[in-house]
Amino acid sequence: MQKRLDTIDSLIQQGYTLKRNNWFDIQFKNSSGIRVNIFLPWRSPSGFSWIAFWFAGVVCCQIREWSYFYWLAIVTSLDVIFASLFNSDSNNFAGFVLSLIYASWFPYMRYLAIEEERKEFPVLNSFFMAIGLTFIAIIPAAILAAVLGVE
């Protein structure tokens, strides 16, 4: 991770800018003001974080990035609605996409958290917080599934 953070820092020293737009969108722009694609791991300067892919909730808790849980609630609720409308089960796909996004953006989010001097939670605390917040985030989807009769 430190190598990824150093890469971002080096680019910022060269005139790149990194900022958060609203509460989810990470904007990384080159010295000409053109937005750099950080979503595709093979094109992103800092690459892809496999730890953030497999443990997105934990690493987001660790750096106090709560947007993951907001989006988890939204995505799982939309998943239930689509499953109800189309009689399909796309639950795995939505979770995969959310993990993919956060794994691609995590180095930038971590860099911003360091710049904002956010105090990190210890990993073990983050693990248990992520479990609790995940259960809380899926409550709306569980209620929708019960109401809509989705299994």
N, C-alpha and C. Protein backbone atom coordinates (compact mmCIF):
# COMPACT_ATOMS: atom_id res chain seq x y z
N MET A 1 0.83 -1.19 0.00
CA MET A 1 0.00 0.00 0.00
C MET A 1 0.87 1.25 0.00
N GLN A 2 1.98 1.20 0.72
CA GLN A 2 2.83 2.38 0.78
C GLN A 2 3.35 2.75 -0.61
N LYS A 3 3.65 1.76 -1.42
CA LYS A 3 4.12 2.03 -2.79
C LYS A 3 3.03 2.76 -3.59
N ARG A 4 1.78 2.35 -3.40
CA ARG A 4 0.66 3.01 -4.10
C ARG A 4 0.50 4.46 -3.62
N LEU A 5 0.62 4.65 -2.31
CA LEU A 5 0.51 6.00 -1.76
C LEU A 5 1.66 6.89 -2.25
N ASP A 6 2.86 6.31 -2.33
CA ASP A 6 4.01 7.06 -2.84
C ASP A 6 3.81 7.44 -4.31
N THR A 7 3.22 6.55 -5.09
CA THR A 7 2.94 6.85 -6.50
C THR A 7 1.98 8.03 -6.61
N ILE A 8 0.92 8.00 -5.81
CA ILE A 8 -0.05 9.10 -5.81
C ILE A 8 0.63 10.40 -5.39
N ASP A 9 1.43 10.34 -4.33
CA ASP A 9 2.12 11.52 -3.83
C ASP A 9 3.07 12.08 -4.88
N SER A 10 3.78 11.21 -5.58
CA SER A 10 4.70 11.64 -6.64
C SER A 10 3.95 12.37 -7.75
N LEU A 11 2.80 11.83 -8.13
CA LEU A 11 2.00 12.47 -9.18
C LEU A 11 1.45 13.82 -8.72
N ILE A 12 1.08 13.91 -7.47
CA ILE A 12 0.58 15.19 -6.93
C ILE A 12 1.71 16.22 -6.92
N GLN A 13 2.93 15.76 -6.64
CA GLN A 13 4.09 16.66 -6.70
C GLN A 13 4.32 17.18 -8.12
N GLN A 14 3.88 16.39 -9.12
CA GLN A 14 4.04 16.77 -10.52
C GLN A 14 2.89 17.64 -11.04
N GLY A 15 1.95 17.97 -10.17
CA GLY A 15 0.86 18.86 -10.57
C GLY A 15 -0.50 18.20 -10.67
N TYR A 16 -0.60 16.91 -10.39
CA TYR A 16 -1.90 16.24 -10.38
C TYR A 16 -2.68 16.73 -9.17
N THR A 17 -4.00 16.62 -9.24
CA THR A 17 -4.84 16.99 -8.10
C THR A 17 -5.74 15.81 -7.73
N LEU A 18 -5.98 15.68 -6.45
CA LEU A 18 -6.85 14.62 -5.93
C LEU A 18 -7.81 15.25 -4.94
N LYS A 19 -9.09 15.06 -5.20
CA LYS A 19 -10.10 15.58 -4.27
C LYS A 19 -11.33 14.69 -4.31
N ARG A 20 -12.10 14.82 -3.26
CA ARG A 20 -13.36 14.11 -3.16
C ARG A 20 -14.46 15.07 -3.58
N ASN A 21 -15.30 14.60 -4.51
CA ASN A 21 -16.43 15.39 -4.95
C ASN A 21 -17.67 14.78 -4.29
N ASN A 22 -18.35 15.56 -3.51
CA ASN A 22 -19.49 15.07 -2.73
C ASN A 22 -19.02 14.01 -1.74
N TRP A 23 -19.74 12.93 -1.59
CA TRP A 23 -19.36 11.94 -0.59
C TRP A 23 -18.97 10.60 -1.19
N PHE A 24 -18.83 10.52 -2.50
CA PHE A 24 -18.45 9.25 -3.09
C PHE A 24 -17.41 9.39 -4.19
N ASP A 25 -17.57 10.33 -5.05
CA ASP A 25 -16.75 10.45 -6.24
C ASP A 25 -15.34 10.95 -5.92
N ILE A 26 -14.34 10.20 -6.34
CA ILE A 26 -12.95 10.60 -6.18
C ILE A 26 -12.49 11.15 -7.52
N GLN A 27 -11.97 12.37 -7.53
CA GLN A 27 -11.51 12.99 -8.76
C GLN A 27 -9.99 13.13 -8.72
N PHE A 28 -9.35 12.48 -9.67
CA PHE A 28 -7.90 12.53 -9.81
C PHE A 28 -7.63 13.11 -11.19
N LYS A 29 -7.03 14.29 -11.23
CA LYS A 29 -6.82 14.98 -12.50
C LYS A 29 -5.33 15.21 -12.73
N ASN A 30 -4.94 15.12 -14.00
CA ASN A 30 -3.54 15.36 -14.33
C ASN A 30 -3.24 16.86 -14.32
N SER A 31 -2.01 17.22 -14.60
CA SER A 31 -1.61 18.63 -14.52
C SER A 31 -2.33 19.51 -15.53
N SER A 32 -2.92 18.90 -16.56
CA SER A 32 -3.70 19.66 -17.54
C SER A 32 -5.16 19.79 -17.14
N GLY A 33 -5.53 19.21 -16.02
CA GLY A 33 -6.92 19.27 -15.56
C GLY A 33 -7.81 18.20 -16.13
N ILE A 34 -7.22 17.22 -16.83
CA ILE A 34 -8.00 16.13 -17.41
C ILE A 34 -8.11 15.00 -16.40
N ARG A 35 -9.32 14.51 -16.23
CA ARG A 35 -9.57 13.46 -15.25
C ARG A 35 -8.89 12.15 -15.65
N VAL A 36 -8.19 11.56 -14.69
CA VAL A 36 -7.51 10.28 -14.90
C VAL A 36 -8.46 9.17 -14.49
N ASN A 37 -8.56 8.14 -15.33
CA ASN A 37 -9.45 7.02 -15.03
C ASN A 37 -8.82 6.16 -13.94
N ILE A 38 -9.41 6.18 -12.75
CA ILE A 38 -8.89 5.36 -11.66
C ILE A 38 -9.77 4.14 -11.41
N PHE A 39 -10.81 3.99 -12.21
CA PHE A 39 -11.69 2.84 -12.03
C PHE A 39 -11.11 1.56 -12.62
N LEU A 40 -10.47 1.66 -13.76
CA LEU A 40 -9.90 0.48 -14.40
C LEU A 40 -8.52 0.21 -13.81
N PRO A 41 -8.34 -0.93 -13.14
CA PRO A 41 -7.08 -1.20 -12.43
C PRO A 41 -5.84 -1.17 -13.32
N TRP A 42 -5.97 -1.60 -14.57
CA TRP A 42 -4.81 -1.64 -15.45
C TRP A 42 -4.45 -0.27 -16.00
N ARG A 43 -5.32 0.73 -15.79
CA ARG A 43 -5.03 2.09 -16.25
C ARG A 43 -4.78 3.05 -15.10
N SER A 44 -5.14 2.66 -13.91
CA SER A 44 -4.99 3.52 -12.75
C SER A 44 -3.52 3.59 -12.32
N PRO A 45 -3.02 4.78 -12.05
CA PRO A 45 -1.61 4.91 -11.64
C PRO A 45 -1.26 4.13 -10.37
N SER A 46 -2.20 3.99 -9.46
CA SER A 46 -1.88 3.29 -8.21
C SER A 46 -2.32 1.83 -8.21
N GLY A 47 -2.98 1.39 -9.25
CA GLY A 47 -3.35 -0.02 -9.35
C GLY A 47 -4.61 -0.38 -8.60
N PHE A 48 -4.63 -1.61 -8.13
CA PHE A 48 -5.82 -2.26 -7.58
C PHE A 48 -5.45 -2.86 -6.23
N SER A 49 -6.28 -2.68 -5.23
CA SER A 49 -6.02 -3.24 -3.90
C SER A 49 -6.84 -4.50 -3.70
N TRP A 50 -6.14 -5.64 -3.72
CA TRP A 50 -6.84 -6.92 -3.51
C TRP A 50 -7.40 -7.02 -2.10
N ILE A 51 -6.73 -6.45 -1.14
CA ILE A 51 -7.25 -6.48 0.24
C ILE A 51 -8.56 -5.71 0.30
N ALA A 52 -8.61 -4.57 -0.37
CA ALA A 52 -9.85 -3.78 -0.39
C ALA A 52 -10.94 -4.49 -1.19
N PHE A 53 -10.55 -5.31 -2.17
CA PHE A 53 -11.55 -6.06 -2.92
C PHE A 53 -12.21 -7.12 -2.03
N TRP A 54 -11.40 -7.88 -1.31
CA TRP A 54 -11.94 -8.97 -0.49
C TRP A 54 -12.50 -8.50 0.84
N PHE A 55 -11.97 -7.39 1.37
CA PHE A 55 -12.38 -6.91 2.70
C PHE A 55 -12.74 -5.43 2.64
N ALA A 56 -13.57 -5.05 1.68
CA ALA A 56 -13.90 -3.63 1.47
C ALA A 56 -14.49 -2.99 2.73
N GLY A 57 -15.39 -3.67 3.38
CA GLY A 57 -16.00 -3.12 4.59
C GLY A 57 -15.00 -2.87 5.70
N VAL A 58 -14.06 -3.79 5.86
CA VAL A 58 -13.06 -3.67 6.92
C VAL A 58 -12.13 -2.49 6.65
N VAL A 59 -11.59 -2.40 5.44
CA VAL A 59 -10.65 -1.31 5.16
C VAL A 59 -11.35 0.04 5.15
N CYS A 60 -12.62 0.06 4.75
CA CYS A 60 -13.36 1.32 4.79
C CYS A 60 -13.62 1.75 6.23
N CYS A 61 -13.92 0.80 7.09
CA CYS A 61 -14.06 1.13 8.52
C CYS A 61 -12.74 1.65 9.08
N GLN A 62 -11.67 0.99 8.70
CA GLN A 62 -10.36 1.37 9.23
C GLN A 62 -10.03 2.83 8.94
N ILE A 63 -10.35 3.31 7.75
CA ILE A 63 -10.05 4.71 7.40
C ILE A 63 -11.25 5.63 7.57
N ARG A 64 -12.31 5.10 8.16
CA ARG A 64 -13.54 5.87 8.42
C ARG A 64 -14.20 6.36 7.14
N GLU A 65 -14.27 5.49 6.15
CA GLU A 65 -14.90 5.78 4.87
C GLU A 65 -16.29 5.15 4.89
N TRP A 66 -17.26 5.88 5.40
CA TRP A 66 -18.59 5.32 5.65
C TRP A 66 -19.43 5.19 4.38
N SER A 67 -19.01 5.82 3.31
CA SER A 67 -19.80 5.77 2.08
C SER A 67 -19.99 4.34 1.58
N TYR A 68 -19.06 3.46 1.87
CA TYR A 68 -19.20 2.06 1.45
C TYR A 68 -20.50 1.47 1.97
N PHE A 69 -20.83 1.74 3.20
CA PHE A 69 -22.03 1.16 3.82
C PHE A 69 -23.30 1.82 3.31
N TYR A 70 -23.23 3.11 2.97
CA TYR A 70 -24.39 3.76 2.34
C TYR A 70 -24.66 3.10 1.00
N TRP A 71 -23.60 2.92 0.22
CA TRP A 71 -23.76 2.31 -1.10
C TRP A 71 -24.13 0.85 -1.00
N LEU A 72 -23.66 0.16 0.02
CA LEU A 72 -24.06 -1.23 0.22
C LEU A 72 -25.57 -1.31 0.46
N ALA A 73 -26.10 -0.41 1.25
CA ALA A 73 -27.54 -0.37 1.51
C ALA A 73 -28.31 -0.09 0.22
N ILE A 74 -27.84 0.87 -0.55
CA ILE A 74 -28.52 1.23 -1.80
C ILE A 74 -28.45 0.08 -2.80
N VAL A 75 -27.26 -0.47 -2.99
CA VAL A 75 -27.07 -1.53 -3.99
C VAL A 75 -27.84 -2.80 -3.63
N THR A 76 -27.82 -3.19 -2.37
CA THR A 76 -28.56 -4.41 -2.00
C THR A 76 -30.06 -4.19 -2.11
N SER A 77 -30.53 -2.99 -1.81
CA SER A 77 -31.96 -2.70 -1.97
C SER A 77 -32.36 -2.72 -3.44
N LEU A 78 -31.54 -2.10 -4.29
CA LEU A 78 -31.83 -2.14 -5.72
C LEU A 78 -31.77 -3.56 -6.26
N ASP A 79 -30.86 -4.34 -5.73
CA ASP A 79 -30.74 -5.74 -6.13
C ASP A 79 -32.02 -6.52 -5.85
N VAL A 80 -32.60 -6.28 -4.69
CA VAL A 80 -33.84 -6.96 -4.32
C VAL A 80 -34.97 -6.52 -5.25
N ILE A 81 -35.01 -5.23 -5.57
CA ILE A 81 -36.05 -4.73 -6.47
C ILE A 81 -35.92 -5.36 -7.85
N PHE A 82 -34.67 -5.41 -8.39
CA PHE A 82 -34.46 -6.04 -9.71
C PHE A 82 -34.77 -7.53 -9.67
N ALA A 83 -34.40 -8.19 -8.59
CA ALA A 83 -34.70 -9.61 -8.46
C ALA A 83 -36.21 -9.84 -8.46
N SER A 84 -36.94 -8.94 -7.83
CA SER A 84 -38.39 -9.05 -7.80
C SER A 84 -39.01 -8.79 -9.17
N LEU A 85 -38.51 -7.78 -9.86
CA LEU A 85 -39.07 -7.43 -11.16
C LEU A 85 -38.77 -8.45 -12.24
N PHE A 86 -37.56 -9.00 -12.22
CA PHE A 86 -37.13 -9.87 -13.31
C PHE A 86 -36.98 -11.34 -12.91
N ASN A 87 -37.42 -11.68 -11.72
CA ASN A 87 -37.31 -13.05 -11.22
C ASN A 87 -35.90 -13.61 -11.42
N SER A 88 -34.92 -12.83 -11.04
CA SER A 88 -33.54 -13.27 -11.18
C SER A 88 -32.80 -13.05 -9.87
N ASP A 89 -31.62 -13.59 -9.79
CA ASP A 89 -30.80 -13.44 -8.60
C ASP A 89 -29.48 -12.81 -9.00
N SER A 90 -29.39 -11.49 -8.87
CA SER A 90 -28.18 -10.77 -9.24
C SER A 90 -27.42 -10.28 -8.02
N ASN A 91 -27.73 -10.82 -6.85
CA ASN A 91 -27.11 -10.35 -5.62
C ASN A 91 -25.59 -10.42 -5.66
N ASN A 92 -25.05 -11.49 -6.19
CA ASN A 92 -23.59 -11.63 -6.23
C ASN A 92 -22.96 -10.59 -7.14
N PHE A 93 -23.60 -10.27 -8.24
CA PHE A 93 -23.04 -9.32 -9.18
C PHE A 93 -22.92 -7.93 -8.58
N ALA A 94 -23.94 -7.47 -7.90
CA ALA A 94 -23.92 -6.13 -7.32
C ALA A 94 -22.83 -6.00 -6.26
N GLY A 95 -22.68 -7.00 -5.43
CA GLY A 95 -21.62 -6.99 -4.42
C GLY A 95 -20.24 -7.00 -5.06
N PHE A 96 -20.11 -7.75 -6.15
CA PHE A 96 -18.85 -7.80 -6.88
C PHE A 96 -18.48 -6.43 -7.43
N VAL A 97 -19.44 -5.76 -8.04
CA VAL A 97 -19.19 -4.44 -8.63
C VAL A 97 -18.81 -3.43 -7.54
N LEU A 98 -19.50 -3.46 -6.42
CA LEU A 98 -19.19 -2.54 -5.33
C LEU A 98 -17.78 -2.79 -4.80
N SER A 99 -17.42 -4.05 -4.63
CA SER A 99 -16.06 -4.37 -4.19
C SER A 99 -15.02 -3.94 -5.21
N LEU A 100 -15.33 -4.11 -6.48
CA LEU A 100 -14.42 -3.70 -7.55
C LEU A 100 -14.18 -2.19 -7.52
N ILE A 101 -15.23 -1.43 -7.33
CA ILE A 101 -15.10 0.03 -7.27
C ILE A 101 -14.23 0.44 -6.09
N TYR A 102 -14.53 -0.09 -4.93
CA TYR A 102 -13.77 0.31 -3.75
C TYR A 102 -12.33 -0.20 -3.78
N ALA A 103 -12.08 -1.34 -4.40
CA ALA A 103 -10.70 -1.83 -4.54
C ALA A 103 -9.90 -0.94 -5.47
N SER A 104 -10.54 -0.39 -6.48
CA SER A 104 -9.86 0.52 -7.40
C SER A 104 -9.64 1.89 -6.77
N TRP A 105 -10.57 2.33 -5.97
CA TRP A 105 -10.49 3.66 -5.38
C TRP A 105 -9.82 3.70 -4.02
N PHE A 106 -9.62 2.54 -3.39
CA PHE A 106 -9.11 2.54 -2.02
C PHE A 106 -7.78 3.27 -1.84
N PRO A 107 -6.78 3.08 -2.71
CA PRO A 107 -5.53 3.82 -2.48
C PRO A 107 -5.74 5.34 -2.44
N TYR A 108 -6.64 5.83 -3.27
CA TYR A 108 -6.93 7.26 -3.30
C TYR A 108 -7.69 7.70 -2.05
N MET A 109 -8.63 6.86 -1.61
CA MET A 109 -9.37 7.16 -0.39
C MET A 109 -8.44 7.15 0.82
N ARG A 110 -7.52 6.21 0.84
CA ARG A 110 -6.56 6.13 1.95
C ARG A 110 -5.65 7.36 1.93
N TYR A 111 -5.22 7.75 0.75
CA TYR A 111 -4.38 8.95 0.64
C TYR A 111 -5.12 10.17 1.18
N LEU A 112 -6.38 10.32 0.78
CA LEU A 112 -7.18 11.45 1.27
C LEU A 112 -7.38 11.38 2.78
N ALA A 113 -7.58 10.18 3.31
CA ALA A 113 -7.76 10.02 4.76
C ALA A 113 -6.50 10.45 5.50
N ILE A 114 -5.34 10.11 4.95
CA ILE A 114 -4.08 10.53 5.57
C ILE A 114 -3.93 12.04 5.49
N GLU A 115 -4.24 12.60 4.33
CA GLU A 115 -4.15 14.06 4.14
C GLU A 115 -5.10 14.80 5.07
N GLU A 116 -6.27 14.22 5.31
CA GLU A 116 -7.26 14.85 6.19
C GLU A 116 -6.98 14.54 7.66
N GLU A 117 -5.91 13.77 7.91
CA GLU A 117 -5.49 13.37 9.26
C GLU A 117 -6.60 12.66 10.03
N ARG A 118 -7.31 11.80 9.33
CA ARG A 118 -8.32 10.97 10.00
C ARG A 118 -7.62 9.88 10.79
N LYS A 119 -8.00 9.72 12.03
CA LYS A 119 -7.41 8.68 12.86
C LYS A 119 -8.00 7.33 12.43
N GLU A 120 -7.13 6.36 12.17
CA GLU A 120 -7.59 5.05 11.74
C GLU A 120 -7.95 4.18 12.93
N PHE A 121 -8.93 3.32 12.72
CA PHE A 121 -9.27 2.31 13.71
C PHE A 121 -8.32 1.14 13.57
N PRO A 122 -8.04 0.43 14.66
CA PRO A 122 -7.25 -0.80 14.53
C PRO A 122 -7.99 -1.83 13.68
N VAL A 123 -7.23 -2.72 13.05
CA VAL A 123 -7.81 -3.70 12.11
C VAL A 123 -8.85 -4.58 12.80
N LEU A 124 -8.58 -5.07 13.99
CA LEU A 124 -9.53 -5.96 14.67
C LEU A 124 -10.83 -5.23 14.97
N ASN A 125 -10.73 -4.00 15.44
CA ASN A 125 -11.95 -3.20 15.68
C ASN A 125 -12.71 -2.97 14.38
N SER A 126 -11.96 -2.69 13.31
CA SER A 126 -12.57 -2.45 12.00
C SER A 126 -13.31 -3.69 11.51
N PHE A 127 -12.74 -4.86 11.78
CA PHE A 127 -13.35 -6.11 11.36
C PHE A 127 -14.74 -6.27 12.00
N PHE A 128 -14.83 -6.07 13.30
CA PHE A 128 -16.10 -6.24 13.99
C PHE A 128 -17.09 -5.10 13.66
N MET A 129 -16.56 -3.90 13.48
CA MET A 129 -17.43 -2.79 13.07
C MET A 129 -18.01 -3.05 11.68
N ALA A 130 -17.19 -3.59 10.78
CA ALA A 130 -17.65 -3.88 9.41
C ALA A 130 -18.77 -4.91 9.42
N ILE A 131 -18.63 -5.92 10.26
CA ILE A 131 -19.70 -6.93 10.36
C ILE A 131 -21.00 -6.27 10.82
N GLY A 132 -20.92 -5.47 11.87
CA GLY A 132 -22.12 -4.80 12.39
C GLY A 132 -22.73 -3.83 11.40
N LEU A 133 -21.89 -3.02 10.76
CA LEU A 133 -22.40 -2.05 9.80
C LEU A 133 -22.95 -2.71 8.55
N THR A 134 -22.38 -3.84 8.17
CA THR A 134 -22.91 -4.58 7.02
C THR A 134 -24.31 -5.09 7.33
N PHE A 135 -24.49 -5.66 8.52
CA PHE A 135 -25.84 -6.11 8.90
C PHE A 135 -26.82 -4.95 8.91
N ILE A 136 -26.40 -3.81 9.43
CA ILE A 136 -27.28 -2.64 9.45
C ILE A 136 -27.60 -2.19 8.03
N ALA A 137 -26.59 -2.21 7.14
CA ALA A 137 -26.77 -1.74 5.77
C ALA A 137 -27.72 -2.63 4.97
N ILE A 138 -27.80 -3.91 5.30
CA ILE A 138 -28.67 -4.79 4.52
C ILE A 138 -30.08 -4.90 5.10
N ILE A 139 -30.34 -4.23 6.20
CA ILE A 139 -31.69 -4.25 6.78
C ILE A 139 -32.74 -3.74 5.79
N PRO A 140 -32.50 -2.60 5.10
CA PRO A 140 -33.53 -2.16 4.13
C PRO A 140 -33.79 -3.21 3.05
N ALA A 141 -32.74 -3.88 2.57
CA ALA A 141 -32.92 -4.91 1.54
C ALA A 141 -33.68 -6.10 2.10
N ALA A 142 -33.42 -6.47 3.34
CA ALA A 142 -34.14 -7.59 3.95
C ALA A 142 -35.62 -7.26 4.12
N ILE A 143 -35.92 -6.04 4.50
CA ILE A 143 -37.32 -5.62 4.63
C ILE A 143 -38.00 -5.63 3.26
N LEU A 144 -37.32 -5.09 2.25
CA LEU A 144 -37.87 -5.11 0.88
C LEU A 144 -38.10 -6.54 0.40
N ALA A 145 -37.16 -7.42 0.68
CA ALA A 145 -37.29 -8.81 0.24
C ALA A 145 -38.50 -9.45 0.91
N ALA A 146 -38.72 -9.16 2.19
CA ALA A 146 -39.87 -9.72 2.88
C ALA A 146 -41.18 -9.18 2.31
N VAL A 147 -41.21 -7.88 2.03
CA VAL A 147 -42.41 -7.25 1.49
C VAL A 147 -42.70 -7.73 0.07
N LEU A 148 -41.65 -7.83 -0.74
CA LEU A 148 -41.82 -8.22 -2.15
C LEU A 148 -41.85 -9.72 -2.36
N GLY A 149 -41.56 -10.47 -1.33
CA GLY A 149 -41.58 -11.93 -1.44
C GLY A 149 -40.42 -12.51 -2.21
N VAL A 150 -39.27 -11.84 -2.16
CA VAL A 150 -38.06 -12.33 -2.85
C VAL A 150 -37.30 -13.24 -1.90
N GLU A 151 -36.86 -14.36 -2.45
CA GLU A 151 -36.10 -15.30 -1.61
C GLU A 151 -34.65 -15.05 -1.70
